[in-house]
PDB file of N, CA and C in Angstrom:
ATOM      1  N   UNK A   1     109.544  97.824  46.445  1.00  0.00           N
ATOM      2  CA  UNK A   1     109.937  95.907  46.323  1.00  0.00           C
ATOM      3  C   UNK A   1     109.983  95.936  48.269  1.00  0.00           C
ATOM      4  N   UNK A   2     109.242  94.000  48.047  1.00  0.00           N
ATOM      5  CA  UNK A   2     109.301  94.287  48.846  1.00  0.00           C
ATOM      6  C   UNK A   2     110.042  92.354  48.304  1.00  0.00           C
ATOM      7  N   UNK A   3     111.033  91.922  49.199  1.00  0.00           N
ATOM      8  CA  UNK A   3     111.454  90.663  48.649  1.00  0.00           C
ATOM      9  C   UNK A   3     111.744  89.744  49.553  1.00  0.00           C
ATOM     10  N   UNK A   4     111.661  88.820  49.371  1.00  0.00           N
ATOM     11  CA  UNK A   4     112.368  87.627  49.778  1.00  0.00           C
ATOM     12  C   UNK A   4     113.044  87.589  51.873  1.00  0.00           C
ATOM     13  N   UNK A   5     113.906  88.385  51.709  1.00  0.00           N
ATOM     14  CA  UNK A   5     114.894  88.084  52.621  1.00  0.00           C
ATOM     15  C   UNK A   5     115.006  89.177  53.425  1.00  0.00           C
ATOM     16  N   UNK A   6     113.529  90.430  53.831  1.00  0.00           N
ATOM     17  CA  UNK A   6     112.724  91.076  54.606  1.00  0.00           C
ATOM     18  C   UNK A   6     112.426  90.092  55.507  1.00  0.00           C
ATOM     19  N   UNK A   7     112.715  90.876  56.730  1.00  0.00           N
ATOM     20  CA  UNK A   7     111.699  90.916  57.589  1.00  0.00           C
ATOM     21  C   UNK A   7     110.288  91.544  57.782  1.00  0.00           C
ATOM     22  N   UNK A   8     109.169  90.169  58.300  1.00  0.00           N
ATOM     23  CA  UNK A   8     107.978  90.784  58.381  1.00  0.00           C
ATOM     24  C   UNK A   8     107.557  91.948  59.301  1.00  0.00           C
ATOM     25  N   UNK A   9     108.743  92.636  59.585  1.00  0.00           N
ATOM     26  CA  UNK A   9     109.322  93.719  60.937  1.00  0.00           C
ATOM     27  C   UNK A   9     109.635  94.792  60.209  1.00  0.00           C
ATOM     28  N   UNK A  10     109.740  94.687  59.028  1.00  0.00           N
ATOM     29  CA  UNK A  10     110.044  95.751  57.752  1.00  0.00           C
ATOM     30  C   UNK A  10     109.328  96.191  57.248  1.00  0.00           C
ATOM     31  N   UNK A  11     108.253  94.564  56.929  1.00  0.00           N
ATOM     32  CA  UNK A  11     107.470  95.202  55.791  1.00  0.00           C
ATOM     33  C   UNK A  11     106.518  96.238  56.313  1.00  0.00           C
ATOM     34  N   UNK A  12     106.106  95.322  57.073  1.00  0.00           N
ATOM     35  CA  UNK A  12     104.918  95.840  58.276  1.00  0.00           C
ATOM     36  C   UNK A  12     105.176  97.275  58.900  1.00  0.00           C
ATOM     37  N   UNK A  13     106.376  97.158  58.940  1.00  0.00           N
ATOM     38  CA  UNK A  13     106.379  98.823  59.549  1.00  0.00           C
ATOM     39  C   UNK A  13     107.055 100.076  58.552  1.00  0.00           C
ATOM     40  N   UNK A  14     106.701  99.265  57.474  1.00  0.00           N
ATOM     41  CA  UNK A  14     107.550 100.589  55.655  1.00  0.00           C
ATOM     42  C   UNK A  14     105.866 100.583  55.211  1.00  0.00           C
ATOM     43  N   UNK A  15     104.795  99.868  55.886  1.00  0.00           N
ATOM     44  CA  UNK A  15     103.398  99.731  55.348  1.00  0.00           C
ATOM     45  C   UNK A  15     102.337  99.428  56.416  1.00  0.00           C
ATOM     46  N   UNK A  16     102.005  99.252  56.660  1.00  0.00           N
ATOM     47  CA  UNK A  16     101.496  98.903  57.941  1.00  0.00           C
ATOM     48  C   UNK A  16      99.694  97.545  57.089  1.00  0.00           C
ATOM     49  N   UNK A  17      98.939  98.620  55.789  1.00  0.00           N
ATOM     50  CA  UNK A  17      98.230  97.465  54.875  1.00  0.00           C
ATOM     51  C   UNK A  17      98.748  97.064  54.683  1.00  0.00           C
ATOM     52  N   UNK A  18     100.017  96.383  54.988  1.00  0.00           N
ATOM     53  CA  UNK A  18     100.832  95.272  54.235  1.00  0.00           C
ATOM     54  C   UNK A  18     100.233  94.079  55.517  1.00  0.00           C
ATOM     55  N   UNK A  19     100.454  94.547  56.627  1.00  0.00           N
ATOM     56  CA  UNK A  19     100.094  93.094  57.479  1.00  0.00           C
ATOM     57  C   UNK A  19      98.768  92.511  57.058  1.00  0.00           C
ATOM     58  N   UNK A  20      97.352  93.576  57.119  1.00  0.00           N
ATOM     59  CA  UNK A  20      96.144  92.867  56.149  1.00  0.00           C
ATOM     60  C   UNK A  20      96.823  91.508  54.941  1.00  0.00           C
ATOM     61  N   UNK A  21      97.685  92.027  54.589  1.00  0.00           N
ATOM     62  CA  UNK A  21      97.460  90.850  52.885  1.00  0.00           C
ATOM     63  C   UNK A  21      98.515  89.331  54.090  1.00  0.00           C
ATOM     64  N   UNK A  22      99.072  89.916  54.981  1.00  0.00           N
ATOM     65  CA  UNK A  22      99.806  89.166  54.893  1.00  0.00           C
ATOM     66  C   UNK A  22      98.903  88.369  55.961  1.00  0.00           C
ATOM     67  N   UNK A  23      97.767  88.020  56.578  1.00  0.00           N
ATOM     68  CA  UNK A  23      97.039  87.596  57.267  1.00  0.00           C
ATOM     69  C   UNK A  23      96.048  87.513  56.622  1.00  0.00           C
ATOM     70  N   UNK A  24      95.755  87.895  55.144  1.00  0.00           N
ATOM     71  CA  UNK A  24      95.043  87.518  54.338  1.00  0.00           C
ATOM     72  C   UNK A  24      95.926  85.625  53.198  1.00  0.00           C
ATOM     73  N   UNK A  25      97.195  85.494  54.344  1.00  0.00           N
ATOM     74  CA  UNK A  25      97.402  84.880  53.566  1.00  0.00           C
ATOM     75  C   UNK A  25      97.619  83.230  54.954  1.00  0.00           C
ATOM     76  N   UNK A  26      97.391  83.846  55.656  1.00  0.00           N
ATOM     77  CA  UNK A  26      97.460  83.123  57.093  1.00  0.00           C
ATOM     78  C   UNK A  26      98.348  83.429  58.100  1.00  0.00           C
ATOM     79  N   UNK A  27      99.003  84.860  57.858  1.00  0.00           N
ATOM     80  CA  UNK A  27      99.535  85.289  59.532  1.00  0.00           C
ATOM     81  C   UNK A  27      98.980  84.979  60.177  1.00  0.00           C
ATOM     82  N   UNK A  28      98.706  84.903  61.212  1.00  0.00           N
ATOM     83  CA  UNK A  28      98.231  86.036  62.469  1.00  0.00           C
ATOM     84  C   UNK A  28      98.935  86.174  63.422  1.00  0.00           C
ATOM     85  N   UNK A  29      99.711  85.873  63.318  1.00  0.00           N
ATOM     86  CA  UNK A  29     100.422  86.420  64.413  1.00  0.00           C
ATOM     87  C   UNK A  29     102.056  87.147  64.355  1.00  0.00           C
ATOM     88  N   UNK A  30     101.690  88.333  63.032  1.00  0.00           N
ATOM     89  CA  UNK A  30     102.023  89.688  62.031  1.00  0.00           C
ATOM     90  C   UNK A  30     102.891  90.237  63.401  1.00  0.00           C
ATOM     91  N   UNK A  31     102.460  89.638  64.164  1.00  0.00           N
ATOM     92  CA  UNK A  31     102.607  91.238  65.346  1.00  0.00           C
ATOM     93  C   UNK A  31     103.767  90.832  66.224  1.00  0.00           C
ATOM     94  N   UNK A  32     104.072  88.972  66.542  1.00  0.00           N
ATOM     95  CA  UNK A  32     104.161  88.636  67.116  1.00  0.00           C
ATOM     96  C   UNK A  32     105.545  89.143  67.498  1.00  0.00           C
ATOM     97  N   UNK A  33     106.062  88.576  68.209  1.00  0.00           N
ATOM     98  CA  UNK A  33     108.144  89.319  68.159  1.00  0.00           C
ATOM     99  C   UNK A  33     109.134  88.071  67.914  1.00  0.00           C
ATOM    100  N   UNK A  34     108.575  86.223  67.612  1.00  0.00           N
ATOM    101  CA  UNK A  34     109.353  86.347  66.714  1.00  0.00           C
ATOM    102  C   UNK A  34     109.352  86.067  65.427  1.00  0.00           C
ATOM    103  N   UNK A  35     107.305  86.636  64.808  1.00  0.00           N
ATOM    104  CA  UNK A  35     107.325  86.827  63.581  1.00  0.00           C
ATOM    105  C   UNK A  35     108.030  87.676  63.167  1.00  0.00           C
ATOM    106  N   UNK A  36     108.627  89.044  63.801  1.00  0.00           N
ATOM    107  CA  UNK A  36     108.386  90.372  62.911  1.00  0.00           C
ATOM    108  C   UNK A  36     110.029  90.344  62.480  1.00  0.00           C
ATOM    109  N   UNK A  37     111.316  88.900  63.270  1.00  0.00           N
ATOM    110  CA  UNK A  37     112.761  88.653  63.193  1.00  0.00           C
ATOM    111  C   UNK A  37     112.626  87.974  62.244  1.00  0.00           C
ATOM    112  N   UNK A  38     112.030  86.657  61.645  1.00  0.00           N
ATOM    113  CA  UNK A  38     111.425  86.672  60.318  1.00  0.00           C
ATOM    114  C   UNK A  38     111.235  86.366  59.388  1.00  0.00           C
ATOM    115  N   UNK A  39     112.139  86.056  57.993  1.00  0.00           N
ATOM    116  CA  UNK A  39     112.070  87.182  56.633  1.00  0.00           C
ATOM    117  C   UNK A  39     110.560  86.009  56.363  1.00  0.00           C
ATOM    118  N   UNK A  40     110.603  86.704  54.643  1.00  0.00           N
ATOM    119  CA  UNK A  40     109.180  86.500  54.011  1.00  0.00           C
ATOM    120  C   UNK A  40     109.950  85.130  53.947  1.00  0.00           C
ATOM    121  N   UNK A  41     110.038  84.403  53.229  1.00  0.00           N
ATOM    122  CA  UNK A  41     110.648  82.936  52.773  1.00  0.00           C
ATOM    123  C   UNK A  41     110.969  82.162  53.983  1.00  0.00           C
ATOM    124  N   UNK A  42     111.073  82.877  55.354  1.00  0.00           N
ATOM    125  CA  UNK A  42     110.675  81.237  56.543  1.00  0.00           C
ATOM    126  C   UNK A  42     109.493  81.236  56.512  1.00  0.00           C
ATOM    127  N   UNK A  43     109.070  82.671  56.737  1.00  0.00           N
ATOM    128  CA  UNK A  43     107.627  82.707  56.560  1.00  0.00           C
ATOM    129  C   UNK A  43     106.415  81.619  56.119  1.00  0.00           C
ATOM    130  N   UNK A  44     106.677  81.670  54.593  1.00  0.00           N
ATOM    131  CA  UNK A  44     106.327  80.920  53.470  1.00  0.00           C
ATOM    132  C   UNK A  44     106.064  79.832  54.113  1.00  0.00           C
ATOM    133  N   UNK A  45     107.966  79.656  53.788  1.00  0.00           N
ATOM    134  CA  UNK A  45     108.277  78.216  54.933  1.00  0.00           C
ATOM    135  C   UNK A  45     106.756  77.320  55.362  1.00  0.00           C
ATOM    136  N   UNK A  46     107.276  78.900  57.115  1.00  0.00           N
ATOM    137  CA  UNK A  46     106.396  77.562  58.131  1.00  0.00           C
ATOM    138  C   UNK A  46     105.618  77.445  57.940  1.00  0.00           C
ATOM    139  N   UNK A  47     104.584  79.061  57.279  1.00  0.00           N
ATOM    140  CA  UNK A  47     102.939  78.236  56.905  1.00  0.00           C
ATOM    141  C   UNK A  47     102.911  77.986  55.788  1.00  0.00           C
ATOM    142  N   UNK A  48     103.440  76.796  54.864  1.00  0.00           N
ATOM    143  CA  UNK A  48     103.631  76.089  53.327  1.00  0.00           C
ATOM    144  C   UNK A  48     102.655  76.702  52.301  1.00  0.00           C
ATOM    145  N   UNK A  49     103.472  77.932  52.387  1.00  0.00           N
ATOM    146  CA  UNK A  49     102.760  79.370  51.273  1.00  0.00           C
ATOM    147  C   UNK A  49     103.681  78.274  50.137  1.00  0.00           C
ATOM    148  N   UNK A  50     103.564  79.303  48.568  1.00  0.00           N
ATOM    149  CA  UNK A  50     104.248  79.786  47.893  1.00  0.00           C
ATOM    150  C   UNK A  50     105.138  81.011  47.306  1.00  0.00           C
ATOM    151  N   UNK A  51     105.862  81.098  47.940  1.00  0.00           N
ATOM    152  CA  UNK A  51     106.578  82.567  47.931  1.00  0.00           C
ATOM    153  C   UNK A  51     106.225  83.612  46.731  1.00  0.00           C
ATOM    154  N   UNK A  52     106.465  82.759  45.235  1.00  0.00           N
ATOM    155  CA  UNK A  52     105.835  83.449  44.605  1.00  0.00           C
ATOM    156  C   UNK A  52     104.828  83.875  44.528  1.00  0.00           C
ATOM    157  N   UNK A  53     103.536  83.525  45.255  1.00  0.00           N
ATOM    158  CA  UNK A  53     102.583  84.044  45.756  1.00  0.00           C
ATOM    159  C   UNK A  53     102.313  85.162  46.201  1.00  0.00           C
ATOM    160  N   UNK A  54     103.118  84.728  47.524  1.00  0.00           N
ATOM    161  CA  UNK A  54     102.445  85.590  48.415  1.00  0.00           C
ATOM    162  C   UNK A  54     104.203  86.815  48.632  1.00  0.00           C
ATOM    163  N   UNK A  55     104.920  86.969  47.228  1.00  0.00           N
ATOM    164  CA  UNK A  55     105.305  88.206  46.986  1.00  0.00           C
ATOM    165  C   UNK A  55     105.057  88.732  46.519  1.00  0.00           C
ATOM    166  N   UNK A  56     104.541  88.434  45.572  1.00  0.00           N
ATOM    167  CA  UNK A  56     103.345  88.971  44.125  1.00  0.00           C
ATOM    168  C   UNK A  56     101.941  89.803  45.283  1.00  0.00           C
ATOM    169  N   UNK A  57     101.461  89.256  45.865  1.00  0.00           N
ATOM    170  CA  UNK A  57     100.297  90.148  46.087  1.00  0.00           C
ATOM    171  C   UNK A  57     100.812  91.015  47.364  1.00  0.00           C
ATOM    172  N   UNK A  58     101.655  90.882  48.429  1.00  0.00           N
ATOM    173  CA  UNK A  58     102.585  91.586  49.059  1.00  0.00           C
ATOM    174  C   UNK A  58     102.868  92.832  48.156  1.00  0.00           C
ATOM    175  N   UNK A  59     103.985  93.136  46.538  1.00  0.00           N
ATOM    176  CA  UNK A  59     103.721  93.970  45.457  1.00  0.00           C
ATOM    177  C   UNK A  59     103.113  94.040  44.984  1.00  0.00           C
ATOM    178  N   UNK A  60     102.151  94.277  45.518  1.00  0.00           N
ATOM    179  CA  UNK A  60     100.682  94.874  44.356  1.00  0.00           C
ATOM    180  C   UNK A  60     100.164  96.632  45.221  1.00  0.00           C
TER     181      UNK A  60
END
């Protein structure tokens, strides 16, 4: 289960197919060093996304 407190690095390293989900939400720099340490909640805020929608898609 992916939570808002997990980093992008944790999510992508745990399941590389999740990178595509993040990119579909407009997060094109999933692999950049700063994004790797950013939490899902922080990324949603920075990109102006609804956290619940992002988490739902990541957990499908």
